[in-house]
Amino acid sequence: MSKQLGKDSDMSNKLYVGNISFDTTEADLEDLFGQAGTVESVNIISDRDTGRSRGFGFVEMSSQEEANNAISQFNETEVGGRNIIVNEAKPRENRGGGGGGGNRW
């Protein structure tokens, strides 16, 4: 039994990629990050209403070593006319649900 199967092992291979040009596609990122190793998945986040890129996304590499290589190779390099930011993705914070004003005096 391996200790590698904890929550942390999956997140450490997942990279946040920010400051992406709106013209950059998931295929573009897959080609780029493929230079650093095996790309497991690419997901550019889109605006729910317009479908337009929000300028950031996530790339999952097949190993921690490949993820580290990708960070050192591509962080602050120019892609599509913009310097992209590449770092280890942080776990998504639970923002809580709804809200809706309650507790008014």
C-alpha atoms as a PDB file:
ATOM      1  CA  MET A   1       0.000   0.000   0.000  1.00  0.00           C
ATOM      2  CA  SER A   2       1.369   3.351  -1.011  1.00  0.00           C
ATOM      3  CA  LYS A   3       1.212   6.548   0.966  1.00  0.00           C
ATOM      4  CA  GLN A   4       1.275   8.434  -2.349  1.00  0.00           C
ATOM      5  CA  LEU A   5      -2.484   8.109  -2.746  1.00  0.00           C
ATOM      6  CA  GLY A   6      -3.358  10.912  -0.329  1.00  0.00           C
ATOM      7  CA  LYS A   7      -5.064  14.154  -1.295  1.00  0.00           C
ATOM      8  CA  ASP A   8      -1.760  15.989  -1.685  1.00  0.00           C
ATOM      9  CA  SER A   9      -0.327  13.714  -4.369  1.00  0.00           C
ATOM     10  CA  ASP A  10      -2.926  14.697  -6.957  1.00  0.00           C
ATOM     11  CA  MET A  11      -2.779  18.418  -6.277  1.00  0.00           C
ATOM     12  CA  SER A  12       0.999  18.607  -6.514  1.00  0.00           C
ATOM     13  CA  ASN A  13       0.906  17.563 -10.187  1.00  0.00           C
ATOM     14  CA  LYS A  14      -1.753  20.146 -10.994  1.00  0.00           C
ATOM     15  CA  LEU A  15      -0.536  23.541 -12.134  1.00  0.00           C
ATOM     16  CA  TYR A  16      -2.275  26.905 -12.169  1.00  0.00           C
ATOM     17  CA  VAL A  17      -1.604  28.810 -15.392  1.00  0.00           C
ATOM     18  CA  GLY A  18      -2.528  32.488 -15.249  1.00  0.00           C
ATOM     19  CA  ASN A  19      -2.388  35.541 -17.519  1.00  0.00           C
ATOM     20  CA  ILE A  20      -3.306  33.404 -20.538  1.00  0.00           C
ATOM     21  CA  SER A  21      -4.140  35.241 -23.754  1.00  0.00           C
ATOM     22  CA  PHE A  22      -7.832  34.980 -24.610  1.00  0.00           C
ATOM     23  CA  ASP A  23      -6.752  33.444 -27.941  1.00  0.00           C
ATOM     24  CA  THR A  24      -4.774  30.608 -26.329  1.00  0.00           C
ATOM     25  CA  THR A  25      -6.513  27.233 -26.590  1.00  0.00           C
ATOM     26  CA  GLU A  26      -6.307  24.110 -24.467  1.00  0.00           C
ATOM     27  CA  ALA A  27      -4.486  22.445 -27.391  1.00  0.00           C
ATOM     28  CA  ASP A  28      -1.897  25.260 -27.329  1.00  0.00           C
ATOM     29  CA  LEU A  29      -1.247  24.662 -23.630  1.00  0.00           C
ATOM     30  CA  GLU A  30      -1.113  20.903 -24.117  1.00  0.00           C
ATOM     31  CA  ASP A  31       1.526  21.326 -26.837  1.00  0.00           C
ATOM     32  CA  LEU A  32       3.541  23.748 -24.719  1.00  0.00           C
ATOM     33  CA  PHE A  33       3.466  21.771 -21.484  1.00  0.00           C
ATOM     34  CA  GLY A  34       4.098  18.550 -23.407  1.00  0.00           C
ATOM     35  CA  GLN A  35       7.663  19.837 -23.790  1.00  0.00           C
ATOM     36  CA  ALA A  36       8.106  19.371 -20.014  1.00  0.00           C
ATOM     37  CA  GLY A  37       6.538  15.906 -19.783  1.00  0.00           C
ATOM     38  CA  THR A  38       3.279  14.010 -20.100  1.00  0.00           C
ATOM     39  CA  VAL A  39       0.172  16.187 -19.884  1.00  0.00           C
ATOM     40  CA  GLU A  40      -2.724  14.410 -18.173  1.00  0.00           C
ATOM     41  CA  SER A  41      -5.316  17.180 -18.661  1.00  0.00           C
ATOM     42  CA  VAL A  42      -5.749  20.832 -19.617  1.00  0.00           C
ATOM     43  CA  ASN A  43      -8.676  23.010 -18.588  1.00  0.00           C
ATOM     44  CA  ILE A  44      -8.977  26.706 -19.469  1.00  0.00           C
ATOM     45  CA  ILE A  45     -11.653  28.312 -17.325  1.00  0.00           C
ATOM     46  CA  SER A  46     -14.410  30.057 -19.281  1.00  0.00           C
ATOM     47  CA  ASP A  47     -16.945  32.674 -18.278  1.00  0.00           C
ATOM     48  CA  ARG A  48     -20.228  30.928 -17.539  1.00  0.00           C
ATOM     49  CA  ASP A  49     -22.308  33.504 -19.450  1.00  0.00           C
ATOM     50  CA  THR A  50     -20.147  34.422 -22.452  1.00  0.00           C
ATOM     51  CA  GLY A  51     -18.058  31.267 -22.902  1.00  0.00           C
ATOM     52  CA  ARG A  52     -14.985  33.478 -23.263  1.00  0.00           C
ATOM     53  CA  SER A  53     -11.746  32.497 -21.546  1.00  0.00           C
ATOM     54  CA  ARG A  54     -11.257  34.038 -18.115  1.00  0.00           C
ATOM     55  CA  GLY A  55      -7.510  34.171 -18.712  1.00  0.00           C
ATOM     56  CA  PHE A  56      -6.453  31.269 -16.517  1.00  0.00           C
ATOM     57  CA  GLY A  57      -6.589  27.523 -16.379  1.00  0.00           C
ATOM     58  CA  PHE A  58      -5.075  24.341 -15.038  1.00  0.00           C
ATOM     59  CA  VAL A  59      -2.658  21.797 -16.470  1.00  0.00           C
ATOM     60  CA  GLU A  60      -2.169  18.435 -14.809  1.00  0.00           C
ATOM     61  CA  MET A  61       1.150  16.696 -15.382  1.00  0.00           C
ATOM     62  CA  SER A  62       1.750  12.968 -14.863  1.00  0.00           C
ATOM     63  CA  SER A  63       4.363  13.396 -12.115  1.00  0.00           C
ATOM     64  CA  GLN A  64       5.626  15.867  -9.549  1.00  0.00           C
ATOM     65  CA  GLU A  65       8.974  16.028 -11.356  1.00  0.00           C
ATOM     66  CA  GLU A  66       7.288  16.965 -14.641  1.00  0.00           C
ATOM     67  CA  ALA A  67       5.165  19.569 -12.866  1.00  0.00           C
ATOM     68  CA  ASN A  68       8.318  21.115 -11.365  1.00  0.00           C
ATOM     69  CA  ASN A  69       9.992  21.081 -14.791  1.00  0.00           C
ATOM     70  CA  ALA A  70       6.998  22.860 -16.306  1.00  0.00           C
ATOM     71  CA  ILE A  71       7.053  25.549 -13.602  1.00  0.00           C
ATOM     72  CA  SER A  72      10.757  26.235 -14.096  1.00  0.00           C
ATOM     73  CA  GLN A  73      10.483  26.146 -17.908  1.00  0.00           C
ATOM     74  CA  PHE A  74       7.347  28.195 -18.461  1.00  0.00           C
ATOM     75  CA  ASN A  75       6.699  30.539 -15.517  1.00  0.00           C
ATOM     76  CA  GLU A  76       6.896  34.130 -16.799  1.00  0.00           C
ATOM     77  CA  THR A  77       7.517  33.078 -20.403  1.00  0.00           C
ATOM     78  CA  GLU A  78       5.687  34.697 -23.289  1.00  0.00           C
ATOM     79  CA  VAL A  79       2.793  32.770 -24.790  1.00  0.00           C
ATOM     80  CA  GLY A  80       0.393  34.474 -27.173  1.00  0.00           C
ATOM     81  CA  GLY A  81       1.910  37.889 -26.430  1.00  0.00           C
ATOM     82  CA  ARG A  82       1.505  37.609 -22.643  1.00  0.00           C
ATOM     83  CA  ASN A  83       3.840  36.428 -19.899  1.00  0.00           C
ATOM     84  CA  ILE A  84       2.072  33.471 -18.343  1.00  0.00           C
ATOM     85  CA  ILE A  85       2.240  32.635 -14.642  1.00  0.00           C
ATOM     86  CA  VAL A  86       2.773  28.971 -13.799  1.00  0.00           C
ATOM     87  CA  ASN A  87       2.755  27.620 -10.260  1.00  0.00           C
ATOM     88  CA  GLU A  88       1.437  24.729  -8.223  1.00  0.00           C
ATOM     89  CA  ALA A  89      -2.357  24.810  -8.035  1.00  0.00           C
ATOM     90  CA  LYS A  90      -3.788  25.384  -4.579  1.00  0.00           C
ATOM     91  CA  PRO A  91      -6.778  23.368  -3.365  1.00  0.00           C
ATOM     92  CA  ARG A  92     -10.012  25.186  -4.098  1.00  0.00           C
ATOM     93  CA  GLU A  93     -11.268  27.070  -1.077  1.00  0.00           C
ATOM     94  CA  ASN A  94     -14.791  26.389   0.050  1.00  0.00           C
ATOM     95  CA  ARG A  95     -16.493  29.734  -0.384  1.00  0.00           C
ATOM     96  CA  GLY A  96     -19.643  28.587   1.354  1.00  0.00           C
ATOM     97  CA  GLY A  97     -23.067  28.611  -0.174  1.00  0.00           C
ATOM     98  CA  GLY A  98     -25.413  31.367  -1.137  1.00  0.00           C
ATOM     99  CA  GLY A  99     -25.665  33.973   1.509  1.00  0.00           C
ATOM    100  CA  GLY A 100     -28.650  36.059   0.701  1.00  0.00           C
ATOM    101  CA  GLY A 101     -28.598  38.797   3.236  1.00  0.00           C
ATOM    102  CA  GLY A 102     -30.122  37.238   6.412  1.00  0.00           C
ATOM    103  CA  ASN A 103     -29.386  38.687   9.873  1.00  0.00           C
ATOM    104  CA  ARG A 104     -30.603  42.180   9.144  1.00  0.00           C
ATOM    105  CA  TRP A 105     -31.277  44.315  12.187  1.00  0.00           C
END
